[in-house]
Amino acid sequence: MPRFAIVVERAKRIYSAYVPDLPGCVATGKTVEEGERRLREAVEIHIAGLKEDGLPIPPSKSVVDYLEVTVES
């Protein structure tokens, strides 16, 4: 089972989610949870389409981490 990093961003009224290693694979939702659920479905459909077209599933190359910085007042 492949694993992919995801990014979830808050927009004005929704959350937008995407997979950096699967260009074009995006989803939105009213909550983070809904965005992630819809993105999971989008990834499954995306991968099924790749397989159907005889294309390889790209390896996950993204690294996810948080960077802590000091901000002076």
PDB file of N, CA and C in Angstrom:
ATOM      1  N   MET A   1       0.841  -1.182   0.000  1.00  0.00           N
ATOM      2  CA  MET A   1       0.000   0.000   0.000  1.00  0.00           C
ATOM      3  C   MET A   1       0.886   1.245   0.000  1.00  0.00           C
ATOM      4  N   PRO A   2       0.841   2.017  -1.084  1.00  0.00           N
ATOM      5  CA  PRO A   2       1.669   3.228  -1.117  1.00  0.00           C
ATOM      6  C   PRO A   2       1.168   4.276  -0.121  1.00  0.00           C
ATOM      7  N   ARG A   3       2.097   5.083   0.347  1.00  0.00           N
ATOM      8  CA  ARG A   3       1.777   6.195   1.245  1.00  0.00           C
ATOM      9  C   ARG A   3       2.219   7.479   0.568  1.00  0.00           C
ATOM     10  N   PHE A   4       1.394   8.506   0.672  1.00  0.00           N
ATOM     11  CA  PHE A   4       1.711   9.784   0.064  1.00  0.00           C
ATOM     12  C   PHE A   4       1.540  10.907   1.077  1.00  0.00           C
ATOM     13  N   ALA A   5       2.446  11.869   1.020  1.00  0.00           N
ATOM     14  CA  ALA A   5       2.310  13.075   1.827  1.00  0.00           C
ATOM     15  C   ALA A   5       1.161  13.897   1.250  1.00  0.00           C
ATOM     16  N   ILE A   6       0.405  14.548   2.124  1.00  0.00           N
ATOM     17  CA  ILE A   6      -0.655  15.431   1.662  1.00  0.00           C
ATOM     18  C   ILE A   6      -0.469  16.809   2.295  1.00  0.00           C
ATOM     19  N   VAL A   7      -1.033  17.802   1.641  1.00  0.00           N
ATOM     20  CA  VAL A   7      -1.036  19.163   2.176  1.00  0.00           C
ATOM     21  C   VAL A   7      -2.492  19.607   2.241  1.00  0.00           C
ATOM     22  N   VAL A   8      -2.880  20.142   3.397  1.00  0.00           N
ATOM     23  CA  VAL A   8      -4.228  20.664   3.566  1.00  0.00           C
ATOM     24  C   VAL A   8      -4.086  22.145   3.916  1.00  0.00           C
ATOM     25  N   GLU A   9      -4.748  22.975   3.114  1.00  0.00           N
ATOM     26  CA  GLU A   9      -4.672  24.424   3.318  1.00  0.00           C
ATOM     27  C   GLU A   9      -6.071  24.987   3.525  1.00  0.00           C
ATOM     28  N   ARG A  10      -6.157  25.941   4.413  1.00  0.00           N
ATOM     29  CA  ARG A  10      -7.441  26.604   4.636  1.00  0.00           C
ATOM     30  C   ARG A  10      -7.593  27.710   3.609  1.00  0.00           C
ATOM     31  N   ALA A  11      -8.716  27.701   2.920  1.00  0.00           N
ATOM     32  CA  ALA A  11      -9.074  28.783   2.011  1.00  0.00           C
ATOM     33  C   ALA A  11     -10.107  29.639   2.740  1.00  0.00           C
ATOM     34  N   LYS A  12     -10.809  30.498   2.053  1.00  0.00           N
ATOM     35  CA  LYS A  12     -11.763  31.368   2.733  1.00  0.00           C
ATOM     36  C   LYS A  12     -12.841  30.593   3.477  1.00  0.00           C
ATOM     37  N   ARG A  13     -13.500  29.671   2.775  1.00  0.00           N
ATOM     38  CA  ARG A  13     -14.619  28.951   3.392  1.00  0.00           C
ATOM     39  C   ARG A  13     -14.466  27.440   3.374  1.00  0.00           C
ATOM     40  N   ILE A  14     -13.393  26.952   2.793  1.00  0.00           N
ATOM     41  CA  ILE A  14     -13.201  25.508   2.660  1.00  0.00           C
ATOM     42  C   ILE A  14     -11.749  25.155   2.964  1.00  0.00           C
ATOM     43  N   TYR A  15     -11.489  23.869   2.948  1.00  0.00           N
ATOM     44  CA  TYR A  15     -10.122  23.372   3.041  1.00  0.00           C
ATOM     45  C   TYR A  15      -9.787  22.721   1.706  1.00  0.00           C
ATOM     46  N   SER A  16      -8.603  23.005   1.220  1.00  0.00           N
ATOM     47  CA  SER A  16      -8.132  22.439  -0.034  1.00  0.00           C
ATOM     48  C   SER A  16      -6.997  21.476   0.296  1.00  0.00           C
ATOM     49  N   ALA A  17      -7.018  20.301  -0.311  1.00  0.00           N
ATOM     50  CA  ALA A  17      -6.001  19.289  -0.036  1.00  0.00           C
ATOM     51  C   ALA A  17      -5.424  18.780  -1.345  1.00  0.00           C
ATOM     52  N   TYR A  18      -4.131  18.492  -1.336  1.00  0.00           N
ATOM     53  CA  TYR A  18      -3.489  17.949  -2.527  1.00  0.00           C
ATOM     54  C   TYR A  18      -2.328  17.043  -2.156  1.00  0.00           C
ATOM     55  N   VAL A  19      -1.888  16.277  -3.154  1.00  0.00           N
ATOM     56  CA  VAL A  19      -0.777  15.338  -2.992  1.00  0.00           C
ATOM     57  C   VAL A  19       0.380  15.828  -3.870  1.00  0.00           C
ATOM     58  N   PRO A  20       1.466  16.327  -3.278  1.00  0.00           N
ATOM     59  CA  PRO A  20       2.563  16.842  -4.089  1.00  0.00           C
ATOM     60  C   PRO A  20       3.132  15.826  -5.089  1.00  0.00           C
ATOM     61  N   ASP A  21       3.102  14.545  -4.759  1.00  0.00           N
ATOM     62  CA  ASP A  21       3.680  13.524  -5.631  1.00  0.00           C
ATOM     63  C   ASP A  21       2.715  13.018  -6.704  1.00  0.00           C
ATOM     64  N   LEU A  22       1.477  13.505  -6.680  1.00  0.00           N
ATOM     65  CA  LEU A  22       0.490  13.144  -7.699  1.00  0.00           C
ATOM     66  C   LEU A  22      -0.094  14.436  -8.279  1.00  0.00           C
ATOM     67  N   PRO A  23       0.623  15.096  -9.160  1.00  0.00           N
ATOM     68  CA  PRO A  23       0.157  16.372  -9.699  1.00  0.00           C
ATOM     69  C   PRO A  23      -1.266  16.275 -10.240  1.00  0.00           C
ATOM     70  N   GLY A  24      -2.070  17.256  -9.876  1.00  0.00           N
ATOM     71  CA  GLY A  24      -3.450  17.296 -10.325  1.00  0.00           C
ATOM     72  C   GLY A  24      -4.422  16.558  -9.419  1.00  0.00           C
ATOM     73  N   CYS A  25      -3.914  15.871  -8.428  1.00  0.00           N
ATOM     74  CA  CYS A  25      -4.774  15.116  -7.515  1.00  0.00           C
ATOM     75  C   CYS A  25      -5.126  16.031  -6.338  1.00  0.00           C
ATOM     76  N   VAL A  26      -6.329  16.597  -6.370  1.00  0.00           N
ATOM     77  CA  VAL A  26      -6.756  17.576  -5.373  1.00  0.00           C
ATOM     78  C   VAL A  26      -8.181  17.280  -4.915  1.00  0.00           C
ATOM     79  N   ALA A  27      -8.539  17.856  -3.780  1.00  0.00           N
ATOM     80  CA  ALA A  27      -9.905  17.733  -3.270  1.00  0.00           C
ATOM     81  C   ALA A  27     -10.161  18.898  -2.324  1.00  0.00           C
ATOM     82  N   THR A  28     -11.425  19.161  -2.071  1.00  0.00           N
ATOM     83  CA  THR A  28     -11.800  20.194  -1.115  1.00  0.00           C
ATOM     84  C   THR A  28     -12.870  19.653  -0.180  1.00  0.00           C
ATOM     85  N   GLY A  29     -13.035  20.330   0.943  1.00  0.00           N
ATOM     86  CA  GLY A  29     -14.066  19.952   1.886  1.00  0.00           C
ATOM     87  C   GLY A  29     -14.370  21.095   2.830  1.00  0.00           C
ATOM     88  N   LYS A  30     -15.510  21.020   3.491  1.00  0.00           N
ATOM     89  CA  LYS A  30     -15.891  22.061   4.443  1.00  0.00           C
ATOM     90  C   LYS A  30     -15.090  21.967   5.732  1.00  0.00           C
ATOM     91  N   THR A  31     -14.537  20.766   6.004  1.00  0.00           N
ATOM     92  CA  THR A  31     -13.697  20.549   7.183  1.00  0.00           C
ATOM     93  C   THR A  31     -12.412  19.858   6.731  1.00  0.00           C
ATOM     94  N   VAL A  32     -11.432  19.841   7.605  1.00  0.00           N
ATOM     95  CA  VAL A  32     -10.192  19.118   7.304  1.00  0.00           C
ATOM     96  C   VAL A  32     -10.505  17.651   7.042  1.00  0.00           C
ATOM     97  N   GLU A  33     -11.350  17.077   7.888  1.00  0.00           N
ATOM     98  CA  GLU A  33     -11.683  15.660   7.764  1.00  0.00           C
ATOM     99  C   GLU A  33     -12.360  15.363   6.426  1.00  0.00           C
ATOM    100  N   GLU A  34     -13.281  16.221   6.013  1.00  0.00           N
ATOM    101  CA  GLU A  34     -13.960  16.011   4.740  1.00  0.00           C
ATOM    102  C   GLU A  34     -12.980  16.163   3.574  1.00  0.00           C
ATOM    103  N   GLY A  35     -12.086  17.135   3.666  1.00  0.00           N
ATOM    104  CA  GLY A  35     -11.074  17.303   2.625  1.00  0.00           C
ATOM    105  C   GLY A  35     -10.175  16.091   2.513  1.00  0.00           C
ATOM    106  N   GLU A  36      -9.758  15.545   3.648  1.00  0.00           N
ATOM    107  CA  GLU A  36      -8.901  14.358   3.640  1.00  0.00           C
ATOM    108  C   GLU A  36      -9.647  13.141   3.094  1.00  0.00           C
ATOM    109  N   ARG A  37     -10.911  12.986   3.468  1.00  0.00           N
ATOM    110  CA  ARG A  37     -11.701  11.857   2.975  1.00  0.00           C
ATOM    111  C   ARG A  37     -11.859  11.944   1.459  1.00  0.00           C
ATOM    112  N   ARG A  38     -12.181  13.123   0.992  1.00  0.00           N
ATOM    113  CA  ARG A  38     -12.336  13.301  -0.454  1.00  0.00           C
ATOM    114  C   ARG A  38     -11.003  13.138  -1.180  1.00  0.00           C
ATOM    115  N   LEU A  39      -9.923  13.555  -0.543  1.00  0.00           N
ATOM    116  CA  LEU A  39      -8.614  13.384  -1.171  1.00  0.00           C
ATOM    117  C   LEU A  39      -8.247  11.902  -1.248  1.00  0.00           C
ATOM    118  N   ARG A  40      -8.557  11.148  -0.233  1.00  0.00           N
ATOM    119  CA  ARG A  40      -8.306   9.698  -0.269  1.00  0.00           C
ATOM    120  C   ARG A  40      -9.029   9.081  -1.463  1.00  0.00           C
ATOM    121  N   GLU A  41     -10.281   9.470  -1.658  1.00  0.00           N
ATOM    122  CA  GLU A  41     -11.045   8.973  -2.806  1.00  0.00           C
ATOM    123  C   GLU A  41     -10.389   9.407  -4.120  1.00  0.00           C
ATOM    124  N   ALA A  42      -9.937  10.656  -4.180  1.00  0.00           N
ATOM    125  CA  ALA A  42      -9.287  11.163  -5.391  1.00  0.00           C
ATOM    126  C   ALA A  42      -7.992  10.404  -5.684  1.00  0.00           C
ATOM    127  N   VAL A  43      -7.221  10.085  -4.643  1.00  0.00           N
ATOM    128  CA  VAL A  43      -5.979   9.325  -4.826  1.00  0.00           C
ATOM    129  C   VAL A  43      -6.290   7.936  -5.359  1.00  0.00           C
ATOM    130  N   GLU A  44      -7.301   7.293  -4.793  1.00  0.00           N
ATOM    131  CA  GLU A  44      -7.676   5.952  -5.253  1.00  0.00           C
ATOM    132  C   GLU A  44      -8.094   5.975  -6.723  1.00  0.00           C
ATOM    133  N   ILE A  45      -8.875   6.970  -7.109  1.00  0.00           N
ATOM    134  CA  ILE A  45      -9.292   7.106  -8.502  1.00  0.00           C
ATOM    135  C   ILE A  45      -8.095   7.414  -9.399  1.00  0.00           C
ATOM    136  N   HIS A  46      -7.224   8.286  -8.939  1.00  0.00           N
ATOM    137  CA  HIS A  46      -6.021   8.661  -9.697  1.00  0.00           C
ATOM    138  C   HIS A  46      -5.142   7.436  -9.957  1.00  0.00           C
ATOM    139  N   ILE A  47      -4.899   6.662  -8.920  1.00  0.00           N
ATOM    140  CA  ILE A  47      -4.054   5.472  -9.054  1.00  0.00           C
ATOM    141  C   ILE A  47      -4.721   4.437  -9.952  1.00  0.00           C
ATOM    142  N   ALA A  48      -6.026   4.269  -9.811  1.00  0.00           N
ATOM    143  CA  ALA A  48      -6.749   3.328 -10.678  1.00  0.00           C
ATOM    144  C   ALA A  48      -6.606   3.756 -12.141  1.00  0.00           C
ATOM    145  N   GLY A  49      -6.671   5.058 -12.395  1.00  0.00           N
ATOM    146  CA  GLY A  49      -6.505   5.562 -13.755  1.00  0.00           C
ATOM    147  C   GLY A  49      -5.112   5.315 -14.295  1.00  0.00           C
ATOM    148  N   LEU A  50      -4.096   5.492 -13.451  1.00  0.00           N
ATOM    149  CA  LEU A  50      -2.724   5.218 -13.876  1.00  0.00           C
ATOM    150  C   LEU A  50      -2.577   3.749 -14.265  1.00  0.00           C
ATOM    151  N   LYS A  51      -3.099   2.869 -13.403  1.00  0.00           N
ATOM    152  CA  LYS A  51      -3.018   1.431 -13.681  1.00  0.00           C
ATOM    153  C   LYS A  51      -3.743   1.084 -14.967  1.00  0.00           C
ATOM    154  N   GLU A  52      -4.925   1.658 -15.145  1.00  0.00           N
ATOM    155  CA  GLU A  52      -5.724   1.395 -16.342  1.00  0.00           C
ATOM    156  C   GLU A  52      -4.982   1.817 -17.612  1.00  0.00           C
ATOM    157  N   ASP A  53      -4.223   2.902 -17.508  1.00  0.00           N
ATOM    158  CA  ASP A  53      -3.451   3.401 -18.654  1.00  0.00           C
ATOM    159  C   ASP A  53      -2.091   2.725 -18.790  1.00  0.00           C
ATOM    160  N   GLY A  54      -1.796   1.772 -17.901  1.00  0.00           N
ATOM    161  CA  GLY A  54      -0.523   1.066 -17.951  1.00  0.00           C
ATOM    162  C   GLY A  54       0.652   1.902 -17.475  1.00  0.00           C
ATOM    163  N   LEU A  55       0.375   2.931 -16.677  1.00  0.00           N
ATOM    164  CA  LEU A  55       1.431   3.808 -16.177  1.00  0.00           C
ATOM    165  C   LEU A  55       1.820   3.405 -14.751  1.00  0.00           C
ATOM    166  N   PRO A  56       3.072   3.645 -14.374  1.00  0.00           N
ATOM    167  CA  PRO A  56       3.511   3.288 -13.020  1.00  0.00           C
ATOM    168  C   PRO A  56       2.953   4.258 -11.982  1.00  0.00           C
ATOM    169  N   ILE A  57       2.810   3.761 -10.786  1.00  0.00           N
ATOM    170  CA  ILE A  57       2.448   4.624  -9.658  1.00  0.00           C
ATOM    171  C   ILE A  57       3.725   5.325  -9.221  1.00  0.00           C
ATOM    172  N   PRO A  58       3.741   6.660  -9.246  1.00  0.00           N
ATOM    173  CA  PRO A  58       4.973   7.358  -8.884  1.00  0.00           C
ATOM    174  C   PRO A  58       5.342   7.122  -7.424  1.00  0.00           C
ATOM    175  N   PRO A  59       6.624   7.001  -7.153  1.00  0.00           N
ATOM    176  CA  PRO A  59       7.033   6.828  -5.755  1.00  0.00           C
ATOM    177  C   PRO A  59       6.826   8.124  -4.976  1.00  0.00           C
ATOM    178  N   SER A  60       6.595   7.976  -3.711  1.00  0.00           N
ATOM    179  CA  SER A  60       6.462   9.142  -2.845  1.00  0.00           C
ATOM    180  C   SER A  60       7.851   9.711  -2.584  1.00  0.00           C
ATOM    181  N   LYS A  61       8.067  10.957  -2.967  1.00  0.00           N
ATOM    182  CA  LYS A  61       9.376  11.599  -2.798  1.00  0.00           C
ATOM    183  C   LYS A  61       9.327  12.767  -1.826  1.00  0.00           C
ATOM    184  N   SER A  62       8.127  13.224  -1.509  1.00  0.00           N
ATOM    185  CA  SER A  62       7.992  14.399  -0.653  1.00  0.00           C
ATOM    186  C   SER A  62       8.362  14.074   0.784  1.00  0.00           C
ATOM    187  N   VAL A  63       8.925  15.058   1.448  1.00  0.00           N
ATOM    188  CA  VAL A  63       9.265  14.952   2.859  1.00  0.00           C
ATOM    189  C   VAL A  63       8.408  15.969   3.598  1.00  0.00           C
ATOM    190  N   VAL A  64       7.757  15.531   4.648  1.00  0.00           N
ATOM    191  CA  VAL A  64       6.883  16.410   5.404  1.00  0.00           C
ATOM    192  C   VAL A  64       7.493  16.647   6.773  1.00  0.00           C
ATOM    193  N   ASP A  65       7.562  17.906   7.143  1.00  0.00           N
ATOM    194  CA  ASP A  65       8.109  18.266   8.440  1.00  0.00           C
ATOM    195  C   ASP A  65       7.643  19.678   8.771  1.00  0.00           C
ATOM    196  N   TYR A  66       7.861  20.079   9.982  1.00  0.00           N
ATOM    197  CA  TYR A  66       7.577  21.444  10.393  1.00  0.00           C
ATOM    198  C   TYR A  66       8.894  22.134  10.712  1.00  0.00           C
ATOM    199  N   LEU A  67       8.973  23.395  10.366  1.00  0.00           N
ATOM    200  CA  LEU A  67      10.152  24.194  10.644  1.00  0.00           C
ATOM    201  C   LEU A  67       9.789  25.203  11.714  1.00  0.00           C
ATOM    202  N   GLU A  68      10.512  25.155  12.817  1.00  0.00           N
ATOM    203  CA  GLU A  68      10.251  26.090  13.904  1.00  0.00           C
ATOM    204  C   GLU A  68      11.198  27.272  13.746  1.00  0.00           C
ATOM    205  N   VAL A  69      10.643  28.471  13.786  1.00  0.00           N
ATOM    206  CA  VAL A  69      11.461  29.671  13.644  1.00  0.00           C
ATOM    207  C   VAL A  69      11.189  30.627  14.790  1.00  0.00           C
ATOM    208  N   THR A  70      12.150  31.454  15.079  1.00  0.00           N
ATOM    209  CA  THR A  70      12.003  32.469  16.099  1.00  0.00           C
ATOM    210  C   THR A  70      11.665  33.783  15.415  1.00  0.00           C
ATOM    211  N   VAL A  71      10.600  34.388  15.874  1.00  0.00           N
ATOM    212  CA  VAL A  71      10.170  35.673  15.311  1.00  0.00           C
ATOM    213  C   VAL A  71      10.308  36.730  16.413  1.00  0.00           C
ATOM    214  N   GLU A  72      11.112  37.720  16.120  1.00  0.00           N
ATOM    215  CA  GLU A  72      11.290  38.791  17.101  1.00  0.00           C
ATOM    216  C   GLU A  72      10.171  39.809  16.970  1.00  0.00           C
ATOM    217  N   SER A  73       9.746  40.339  18.096  1.00  0.00           N
ATOM    218  CA  SER A  73       8.642  41.321  18.108  1.00  0.00           C
ATOM    219  C   SER A  73       9.056  42.632  17.532  1.00  0.00           C
TER     220      SER A  73
END
